[in-house]
Amino acid sequence: MPIFKNGPVSIHYEEAGSGFPLLVIPGGGLNATIEKLDGPESFNPLKEFSATHRCIALDIRNAPGGGTVGPLEVERPWDGFADDQLALMDHLGIEKFAVIGFCIGGPLVWNLLRRAPNRVVAAILAHPSGCRPEMPDQFYQNNIKGWAPEICAKRPDITMAMADAFLANMYRGANADFVFTVNRDFVRACKTPLLIMPDDVPAHPYAMAMETAMLAPNAQVSLYPWRQPAERIPVAVRHARTFLAAHTPKKG
């Protein structure tokens, strides 16, 4: 898999297929890597959509098991990830693209829509993460116990104090009661076509996914539940394929 060097960041990515560009953001929280796209309760866009789209996936920066490595931007954690995504698109000569994001990819997609609204033509949010009011601090707590010790052990330049501040800025900020990267007014004003594919486990709250679907004027929703039983996944993939066909040009 290729590596793109962007200043102090090394971005590990993979491509498959041809056609209109589709950026793929894997799930797995701060451990999100391309490898996780092959999970048993979801689908891999690099396999499912490569016949019609140029699919580009990348490891999230500083996932302990991934190949994308760079500074821990404590003061702008979400924007550091968006920097990597947009820089990779620039490197590949891609101006406009669609995007699909799983899990943490939900907040990351919303941040891309905020950062580059004229570049993202359509977006799919698959089992997106967001705030669960009865567990408001779960993402900080899970990552300070899991991701933070792992990345500190791997990277001597990152301390637990830095990881703590990074996670606090990610998950305890202004939009901590929603989808972390944008507020409800932004979603209400977002005209980009969206497909929301809700889940309902602690990290993927159904209520939050449906709230974004109700707020966004050009959103539609997949069947629910779509991840289980496994026989439903192909139906959800067909919906996603139809959505992409309707909202992306046939050629890149």
C-alpha atoms as a PDB file:
ATOM      1  CA  MET A   1       0.000   0.000   0.000  1.00  0.00           C
ATOM      2  CA  PRO A   2       1.358   3.456  -0.870  1.00  0.00           C
ATOM      3  CA  ILE A   3       2.567   6.108   1.564  1.00  0.00           C
ATOM      4  CA  PHE A   4       2.077   9.829   0.892  1.00  0.00           C
ATOM      5  CA  LYS A   5       4.363  12.207   2.765  1.00  0.00           C
ATOM      6  CA  ASN A   6       2.713  15.489   3.677  1.00  0.00           C
ATOM      7  CA  GLY A   7       5.196  17.516   5.704  1.00  0.00           C
ATOM      8  CA  PRO A   8       5.564  15.773   9.081  1.00  0.00           C
ATOM      9  CA  VAL A   9       2.717  13.333   8.319  1.00  0.00           C
ATOM     10  CA  SER A  10       3.048   9.982   6.536  1.00  0.00           C
ATOM     11  CA  ILE A  11      -0.346   8.895   5.167  1.00  0.00           C
ATOM     12  CA  HIS A  12      -0.941   5.206   4.504  1.00  0.00           C
ATOM     13  CA  TYR A  13      -3.678   4.693   1.917  1.00  0.00           C
ATOM     14  CA  GLU A  14      -5.100   2.200  -0.547  1.00  0.00           C
ATOM     15  CA  GLU A  15      -6.996   2.575  -3.824  1.00  0.00           C
ATOM     16  CA  ALA A  16      -9.363   0.280  -5.689  1.00  0.00           C
ATOM     17  CA  GLY A  17     -11.470   0.656  -8.821  1.00  0.00           C
ATOM     18  CA  SER A  18     -12.128   3.538 -11.173  1.00  0.00           C
ATOM     19  CA  GLY A  19     -14.801   6.142 -11.665  1.00  0.00           C
ATOM     20  CA  PHE A  20     -15.901   9.095  -9.571  1.00  0.00           C
ATOM     21  CA  PRO A  21     -13.739   9.352  -6.422  1.00  0.00           C
ATOM     22  CA  LEU A  22     -15.098   7.948  -3.161  1.00  0.00           C
ATOM     23  CA  LEU A  23     -13.137   8.656   0.016  1.00  0.00           C
ATOM     24  CA  VAL A  24     -13.491   5.813   2.516  1.00  0.00           C
ATOM     25  CA  ILE A  25     -13.020   6.466   6.247  1.00  0.00           C
ATOM     26  CA  PRO A  26     -12.732   3.203   8.210  1.00  0.00           C
ATOM     27  CA  GLY A  27     -14.319   2.639  11.596  1.00  0.00           C
ATOM     28  CA  GLY A  28     -12.684   1.599  14.828  1.00  0.00           C
ATOM     29  CA  GLY A  29     -12.433   4.917  16.643  1.00  0.00           C
ATOM     30  CA  LEU A  30      -8.859   6.106  17.107  1.00  0.00           C
ATOM     31  CA  ASN A  31      -7.751   2.644  15.995  1.00  0.00           C
ATOM     32  CA  ALA A  32      -9.422   3.051  12.584  1.00  0.00           C
ATOM     33  CA  THR A  33      -7.387   1.388   9.847  1.00  0.00           C
ATOM     34  CA  ILE A  34      -8.035   0.078   6.348  1.00  0.00           C
ATOM     35  CA  GLU A  35      -7.784  -3.443   7.721  1.00  0.00           C
ATOM     36  CA  LYS A  36     -10.929  -2.867   9.804  1.00  0.00           C
ATOM     37  CA  LEU A  37     -13.031  -2.406   6.650  1.00  0.00           C
ATOM     38  CA  ASP A  38     -13.273  -6.191   6.451  1.00  0.00           C
ATOM     39  CA  GLY A  39     -15.205  -6.549   9.708  1.00  0.00           C
ATOM     40  CA  PRO A  40     -17.942  -9.211   9.798  1.00  0.00           C
ATOM     41  CA  GLU A  41     -20.848  -6.876  10.629  1.00  0.00           C
ATOM     42  CA  SER A  42     -20.350  -4.308   7.892  1.00  0.00           C
ATOM     43  CA  PHE A  43     -19.047  -4.075   4.317  1.00  0.00           C
ATOM     44  CA  ASN A  44     -15.892  -2.953   2.564  1.00  0.00           C
ATOM     45  CA  PRO A  45     -16.481  -0.151   0.033  1.00  0.00           C
ATOM     46  CA  LEU A  46     -13.186  -0.941  -1.712  1.00  0.00           C
ATOM     47  CA  LYS A  47     -14.751  -4.254  -2.689  1.00  0.00           C
ATOM     48  CA  GLU A  48     -18.407  -3.272  -3.019  1.00  0.00           C
ATOM     49  CA  PHE A  49     -18.093  -0.036  -5.010  1.00  0.00           C
ATOM     50  CA  SER A  50     -14.861  -0.398  -6.991  1.00  0.00           C
ATOM     51  CA  ALA A  51     -16.762  -1.345 -10.157  1.00  0.00           C
ATOM     52  CA  THR A  52     -18.277   2.145 -10.310  1.00  0.00           C
ATOM     53  CA  HIS A  53     -16.030   4.375  -8.188  1.00  0.00           C
ATOM     54  CA  ARG A  54     -12.394   5.143  -7.532  1.00  0.00           C
ATOM     55  CA  CYS A  55     -12.279   4.191  -3.860  1.00  0.00           C
ATOM     56  CA  ILE A  56      -9.552   5.676  -1.665  1.00  0.00           C
ATOM     57  CA  ALA A  57      -9.153   4.635   1.977  1.00  0.00           C
ATOM     58  CA  LEU A  58      -6.592   5.748   4.566  1.00  0.00           C
ATOM     59  CA  ASP A  59      -5.597   4.815   8.084  1.00  0.00           C
ATOM     60  CA  ILE A  60      -6.524   7.461  10.624  1.00  0.00           C
ATOM     61  CA  ARG A  61      -3.535   9.383  11.939  1.00  0.00           C
ATOM     62  CA  ASN A  62      -1.798   7.742  14.889  1.00  0.00           C
ATOM     63  CA  ALA A  63      -3.917   4.608  15.051  1.00  0.00           C
ATOM     64  CA  PRO A  64      -1.551   2.295  16.979  1.00  0.00           C
ATOM     65  CA  GLY A  65      -1.932  -0.481  14.423  1.00  0.00           C
ATOM     66  CA  GLY A  66      -1.941   1.750  11.346  1.00  0.00           C
ATOM     67  CA  GLY A  67       0.554   3.284   8.984  1.00  0.00           C
ATOM     68  CA  THR A  68      -0.521   6.943   9.081  1.00  0.00           C
ATOM     69  CA  VAL A  69       1.813   8.720  11.493  1.00  0.00           C
ATOM     70  CA  GLY A  70       2.161  12.374  12.408  1.00  0.00           C
ATOM     71  CA  PRO A  71       2.055  14.964  15.165  1.00  0.00           C
ATOM     72  CA  LEU A  72      -0.613  14.749  17.846  1.00  0.00           C
ATOM     73  CA  GLU A  73      -2.369  18.083  17.293  1.00  0.00           C
ATOM     74  CA  VAL A  74      -3.735  18.585  20.765  1.00  0.00           C
ATOM     75  CA  GLU A  75      -5.506  21.879  20.086  1.00  0.00           C
ATOM     76  CA  ARG A  76      -7.191  20.789  16.837  1.00  0.00           C
ATOM     77  CA  PRO A  77      -7.691  17.034  16.951  1.00  0.00           C
ATOM     78  CA  TRP A  78     -10.552  16.687  14.469  1.00  0.00           C
ATOM     79  CA  ASP A  79      -9.019  19.141  12.007  1.00  0.00           C
ATOM     80  CA  GLY A  80      -5.757  17.203  11.953  1.00  0.00           C
ATOM     81  CA  PHE A  81      -7.653  14.230  10.526  1.00  0.00           C
ATOM     82  CA  ALA A  82      -9.414  16.441   7.967  1.00  0.00           C
ATOM     83  CA  ASP A  83      -6.044  17.892   6.955  1.00  0.00           C
ATOM     84  CA  ASP A  84      -4.851  14.371   6.113  1.00  0.00           C
ATOM     85  CA  GLN A  85      -7.977  13.508   4.138  1.00  0.00           C
ATOM     86  CA  LEU A  86      -7.956  16.705   2.093  1.00  0.00           C
ATOM     87  CA  ALA A  87      -4.191  16.596   1.527  1.00  0.00           C
ATOM     88  CA  LEU A  88      -4.506  13.051   0.186  1.00  0.00           C
ATOM     89  CA  MET A  89      -7.244  14.128  -2.216  1.00  0.00           C
ATOM     90  CA  ASP A  90      -5.035  17.010  -3.379  1.00  0.00           C
ATOM     91  CA  HIS A  91      -2.084  14.655  -3.809  1.00  0.00           C
ATOM     92  CA  LEU A  92      -4.188  12.367  -6.007  1.00  0.00           C
ATOM     93  CA  GLY A  93      -5.414  15.289  -8.116  1.00  0.00           C
ATOM     94  CA  ILE A  94      -9.002  14.979  -6.878  1.00  0.00           C
ATOM     95  CA  GLU A  95     -11.089  18.115  -6.452  1.00  0.00           C
ATOM     96  CA  LYS A  96     -14.616  16.790  -5.896  1.00  0.00           C
ATOM     97  CA  PHE A  97     -15.465  13.492  -4.265  1.00  0.00           C
ATOM     98  CA  ALA A  98     -18.065  11.528  -2.332  1.00  0.00           C
ATOM     99  CA  VAL A  99     -17.282  10.118   1.100  1.00  0.00           C
ATOM    100  CA  ILE A 100     -18.374   7.198   3.243  1.00  0.00           C
ATOM    101  CA  GLY A 101     -17.421   7.058   6.903  1.00  0.00           C
ATOM    102  CA  PHE A 102     -17.936   4.295   9.461  1.00  0.00           C
ATOM    103  CA  CYS A 103     -18.164   4.813  13.239  1.00  0.00           C
ATOM    104  CA  ILE A 104     -15.719   7.678  13.959  1.00  0.00           C
ATOM    105  CA  GLY A 105     -16.125   8.409  10.260  1.00  0.00           C
ATOM    106  CA  GLY A 106     -19.487   9.991  11.123  1.00  0.00           C
ATOM    107  CA  PRO A 107     -17.990  12.981  12.974  1.00  0.00           C
ATOM    108  CA  LEU A 108     -15.135  13.043  10.451  1.00  0.00           C
ATOM    109  CA  VAL A 109     -17.602  13.277   7.553  1.00  0.00           C
ATOM    110  CA  TRP A 110     -19.405  16.156   9.242  1.00  0.00           C
ATOM    111  CA  ASN A 111     -16.068  17.904   9.694  1.00  0.00           C
ATOM    112  CA  LEU A 112     -15.242  17.442   6.009  1.00  0.00           C
ATOM    113  CA  LEU A 113     -18.618  18.924   5.118  1.00  0.00           C
ATOM    114  CA  ARG A 114     -17.717  21.907   7.292  1.00  0.00           C
ATOM    115  CA  ARG A 115     -14.182  22.248   5.970  1.00  0.00           C
ATOM    116  CA  ALA A 116     -14.788  21.529   2.270  1.00  0.00           C
ATOM    117  CA  PRO A 117     -18.502  21.925   1.499  1.00  0.00           C
ATOM    118  CA  ASN A 118     -17.866  22.590  -2.188  1.00  0.00           C
ATOM    119  CA  ARG A 119     -15.724  19.470  -2.619  1.00  0.00           C
ATOM    120  CA  VAL A 120     -17.927  16.805  -1.018  1.00  0.00           C
ATOM    121  CA  VAL A 121     -20.807  16.020  -3.396  1.00  0.00           C
ATOM    122  CA  ALA A 122     -22.493  13.301  -1.302  1.00  0.00           C
ATOM    123  CA  ALA A 123     -21.858  11.484   1.971  1.00  0.00           C
ATOM    124  CA  ILE A 124     -22.764   8.188   3.607  1.00  0.00           C
ATOM    125  CA  LEU A 125     -22.570   7.898   7.394  1.00  0.00           C
ATOM    126  CA  ALA A 126     -22.542   4.208   8.349  1.00  0.00           C
ATOM    127  CA  HIS A 127     -23.172   3.316  12.020  1.00  0.00           C
ATOM    128  CA  PRO A 128     -21.928   6.810  12.985  1.00  0.00           C
ATOM    129  CA  SER A 129     -20.648   7.595  16.442  1.00  0.00           C
ATOM    130  CA  GLY A 130     -22.135  10.430  18.456  1.00  0.00           C
ATOM    131  CA  CYS A 131     -23.195  11.431  21.937  1.00  0.00           C
ATOM    132  CA  ARG A 132     -25.300   9.025  23.985  1.00  0.00           C
ATOM    133  CA  PRO A 133     -26.793  11.201  26.787  1.00  0.00           C
ATOM    134  CA  GLU A 134     -26.817   8.378  29.317  1.00  0.00           C
ATOM    135  CA  MET A 135     -23.094   7.751  28.616  1.00  0.00           C
ATOM    136  CA  PRO A 136     -21.841  11.273  27.860  1.00  0.00           C
ATOM    137  CA  ASP A 137     -18.158  10.645  28.582  1.00  0.00           C
ATOM    138  CA  GLN A 138     -17.766   7.166  27.092  1.00  0.00           C
ATOM    139  CA  PHE A 139     -15.428   8.126  24.244  1.00  0.00           C
ATOM    140  CA  TYR A 140     -12.986   9.973  26.474  1.00  0.00           C
ATOM    141  CA  GLN A 141     -13.013   7.196  29.062  1.00  0.00           C
ATOM    142  CA  ASN A 142     -12.646   4.363  26.546  1.00  0.00           C
ATOM    143  CA  ASN A 143      -9.747   6.064  24.766  1.00  0.00           C
ATOM    144  CA  ILE A 144      -7.846   7.250  27.826  1.00  0.00           C
ATOM    145  CA  LYS A 145      -7.811   3.608  28.973  1.00  0.00           C
ATOM    146  CA  GLY A 146      -7.256   1.990  25.567  1.00  0.00           C
ATOM    147  CA  TRP A 147      -5.847   4.163  22.789  1.00  0.00           C
ATOM    148  CA  ALA A 148      -3.788   6.555  24.962  1.00  0.00           C
ATOM    149  CA  PRO A 149      -1.523   3.966  26.677  1.00  0.00           C
ATOM    150  CA  GLU A 150      -1.032   2.168  23.344  1.00  0.00           C
ATOM    151  CA  ILE A 151       0.043   5.246  21.410  1.00  0.00           C
ATOM    152  CA  CYS A 152       2.254   6.480  24.258  1.00  0.00           C
ATOM    153  CA  ALA A 153       4.025   3.108  24.387  1.00  0.00           C
ATOM    154  CA  LYS A 154       4.610   3.258  20.641  1.00  0.00           C
ATOM    155  CA  ARG A 155       5.530   6.941  20.433  1.00  0.00           C
ATOM    156  CA  PRO A 156       7.889   8.299  23.120  1.00  0.00           C
ATOM    157  CA  ASP A 157       7.199  11.833  21.848  1.00  0.00           C
ATOM    158  CA  ILE A 158       3.562  11.541  23.000  1.00  0.00           C
ATOM    159  CA  THR A 159       2.882  11.719  26.739  1.00  0.00           C
ATOM    160  CA  MET A 160      -0.237  10.732  28.641  1.00  0.00           C
ATOM    161  CA  ALA A 161      -0.768  14.419  29.453  1.00  0.00           C
ATOM    162  CA  MET A 162      -0.797  15.205  25.736  1.00  0.00           C
ATOM    163  CA  ALA A 163      -3.154  12.309  25.022  1.00  0.00           C
ATOM    164  CA  ASP A 164      -5.455  13.459  27.829  1.00  0.00           C
ATOM    165  CA  ALA A 165      -5.672  16.991  26.413  1.00  0.00           C
ATOM    166  CA  PHE A 166      -6.160  15.658  22.885  1.00  0.00           C
ATOM    167  CA  LEU A 167      -9.077  13.456  23.949  1.00  0.00           C
ATOM    168  CA  ALA A 168     -10.638  16.193  26.063  1.00  0.00           C
ATOM    169  CA  ASN A 169     -10.626  18.531  23.078  1.00  0.00           C
ATOM    170  CA  MET A 170     -12.104  15.798  20.861  1.00  0.00           C
ATOM    171  CA  TYR A 171     -14.890  14.602  23.088  1.00  0.00           C
ATOM    172  CA  ARG A 172     -15.551  17.246  25.743  1.00  0.00           C
ATOM    173  CA  GLY A 173     -15.729  20.289  23.488  1.00  0.00           C
ATOM    174  CA  ALA A 174     -18.506  22.601  22.330  1.00  0.00           C
ATOM    175  CA  ASN A 175     -20.401  19.882  20.440  1.00  0.00           C
ATOM    176  CA  ALA A 176     -19.945  17.104  22.986  1.00  0.00           C
ATOM    177  CA  ASP A 177     -23.730  16.665  23.249  1.00  0.00           C
ATOM    178  CA  PHE A 178     -24.132  15.972  19.534  1.00  0.00           C
ATOM    179  CA  VAL A 179     -21.736  14.676  16.847  1.00  0.00           C
ATOM    180  CA  PHE A 180     -18.551  16.321  18.235  1.00  0.00           C
ATOM    181  CA  THR A 181     -17.471  18.249  15.114  1.00  0.00           C
ATOM    182  CA  VAL A 182     -20.486  20.404  14.156  1.00  0.00           C
ATOM    183  CA  ASN A 183     -23.625  21.705  15.841  1.00  0.00           C
ATOM    184  CA  ARG A 184     -27.295  21.254  15.035  1.00  0.00           C
ATOM    185  CA  ASP A 185     -27.529  24.539  13.145  1.00  0.00           C
ATOM    186  CA  PHE A 186     -24.824  23.346  10.782  1.00  0.00           C
ATOM    187  CA  VAL A 187     -26.695  20.107  10.095  1.00  0.00           C
ATOM    188  CA  ARG A 188     -29.946  22.010   9.497  1.00  0.00           C
ATOM    189  CA  ALA A 189     -28.193  24.154   6.881  1.00  0.00           C
ATOM    190  CA  CYS A 190     -26.313  21.290   5.176  1.00  0.00           C
ATOM    191  CA  LYS A 191     -27.672  20.798   1.634  1.00  0.00           C
ATOM    192  CA  THR A 192     -25.323  17.917   0.710  1.00  0.00           C
ATOM    193  CA  PRO A 193     -27.142  14.643  -0.100  1.00  0.00           C
ATOM    194  CA  LEU A 194     -26.691  12.261   2.836  1.00  0.00           C
ATOM    195  CA  LEU A 195     -27.425   8.614   3.508  1.00  0.00           C
ATOM    196  CA  ILE A 196     -27.566   7.798   7.219  1.00  0.00           C
ATOM    197  CA  MET A 197     -27.166   4.112   8.126  1.00  0.00           C
ATOM    198  CA  PRO A 198     -27.979   3.940  11.857  1.00  0.00           C
ATOM    199  CA  ASP A 199     -26.870   1.416  14.432  1.00  0.00           C
ATOM    200  CA  ASP A 200     -27.619   1.203  18.138  1.00  0.00           C
ATOM    201  CA  VAL A 201     -24.693   0.072  20.259  1.00  0.00           C
ATOM    202  CA  PRO A 202     -23.140   2.290  22.959  1.00  0.00           C
ATOM    203  CA  ALA A 203     -20.738   4.057  20.583  1.00  0.00           C
ATOM    204  CA  HIS A 204     -23.263   4.316  17.699  1.00  0.00           C
ATOM    205  CA  PRO A 205     -26.442   5.776  19.182  1.00  0.00           C
ATOM    206  CA  TYR A 206     -29.549   5.323  17.061  1.00  0.00           C
ATOM    207  CA  ALA A 207     -31.192   8.468  18.455  1.00  0.00           C
ATOM    208  CA  MET A 208     -28.294  10.700  17.426  1.00  0.00           C
ATOM    209  CA  ALA A 209     -28.106   9.210  13.921  1.00  0.00           C
ATOM    210  CA  MET A 210     -31.834   9.745  13.461  1.00  0.00           C
ATOM    211  CA  GLU A 211     -31.658  13.285  14.803  1.00  0.00           C
ATOM    212  CA  THR A 212     -29.114  14.195  12.123  1.00  0.00           C
ATOM    213  CA  ALA A 213     -31.298  12.526   9.495  1.00  0.00           C
ATOM    214  CA  MET A 214     -34.319  14.539  10.603  1.00  0.00           C
ATOM    215  CA  LEU A 215     -32.373  17.807  10.720  1.00  0.00           C
ATOM    216  CA  ALA A 216     -30.480  17.579   7.419  1.00  0.00           C
ATOM    217  CA  PRO A 217     -32.769  18.660   4.548  1.00  0.00           C
ATOM    218  CA  ASN A 218     -31.353  16.238   1.960  1.00  0.00           C
ATOM    219  CA  ALA A 219     -30.862  13.170   4.151  1.00  0.00           C
ATOM    220  CA  GLN A 220     -32.313   9.713   3.716  1.00  0.00           C
ATOM    221  CA  VAL A 221     -32.111   6.691   6.022  1.00  0.00           C
ATOM    222  CA  SER A 222     -31.279   3.041   5.362  1.00  0.00           C
ATOM    223  CA  LEU A 223     -33.224   0.122   6.776  1.00  0.00           C
ATOM    224  CA  TYR A 224     -32.679  -0.527  10.470  1.00  0.00           C
ATOM    225  CA  PRO A 225     -31.149  -2.659  11.785  1.00  0.00           C
ATOM    226  CA  TRP A 226     -28.925  -3.330   8.792  1.00  0.00           C
ATOM    227  CA  ARG A 227     -25.850  -4.961  10.413  1.00  0.00           C
ATOM    228  CA  GLN A 228     -27.690  -7.922  11.934  1.00  0.00           C
ATOM    229  CA  PRO A 229     -28.765 -10.413  10.866  1.00  0.00           C
ATOM    230  CA  ALA A 230     -25.980 -10.655   8.284  1.00  0.00           C
ATOM    231  CA  GLU A 231     -28.502 -11.289   5.511  1.00  0.00           C
ATOM    232  CA  ARG A 232     -29.525  -7.622   5.730  1.00  0.00           C
ATOM    233  CA  ILE A 233     -26.088  -6.245   4.896  1.00  0.00           C
ATOM    234  CA  PRO A 234     -26.435  -6.823   1.108  1.00  0.00           C
ATOM    235  CA  VAL A 235     -29.738  -4.922   1.189  1.00  0.00           C
ATOM    236  CA  ALA A 236     -28.016  -1.974   2.872  1.00  0.00           C
ATOM    237  CA  VAL A 237     -25.204  -2.151   0.312  1.00  0.00           C
ATOM    238  CA  ARG A 238     -27.745  -1.982  -2.521  1.00  0.00           C
ATOM    239  CA  HIS A 239     -29.225   1.153  -0.975  1.00  0.00           C
ATOM    240  CA  ALA A 240     -25.760   2.713  -0.664  1.00  0.00           C
ATOM    241  CA  ARG A 241     -24.955   1.770  -4.268  1.00  0.00           C
ATOM    242  CA  THR A 242     -28.209   3.324  -5.499  1.00  0.00           C
ATOM    243  CA  PHE A 243     -27.522   6.466  -3.459  1.00  0.00           C
ATOM    244  CA  LEU A 244     -24.049   6.839  -4.961  1.00  0.00           C
ATOM    245  CA  ALA A 245     -25.373   6.271  -8.479  1.00  0.00           C
ATOM    246  CA  ALA A 246     -27.935   9.028  -7.972  1.00  0.00           C
ATOM    247  CA  HIS A 247     -25.550  11.605  -6.514  1.00  0.00           C
ATOM    248  CA  THR A 248     -22.198  11.117  -8.232  1.00  0.00           C
ATOM    249  CA  PRO A 249     -21.216  11.526 -11.898  1.00  0.00           C
ATOM    250  CA  LYS A 250     -20.408   8.377 -13.819  1.00  0.00           C
ATOM    251  CA  LYS A 251     -16.848   9.570 -14.501  1.00  0.00           C
ATOM    252  CA  GLY A 252     -14.321  11.216 -12.218  1.00  0.00           C
END
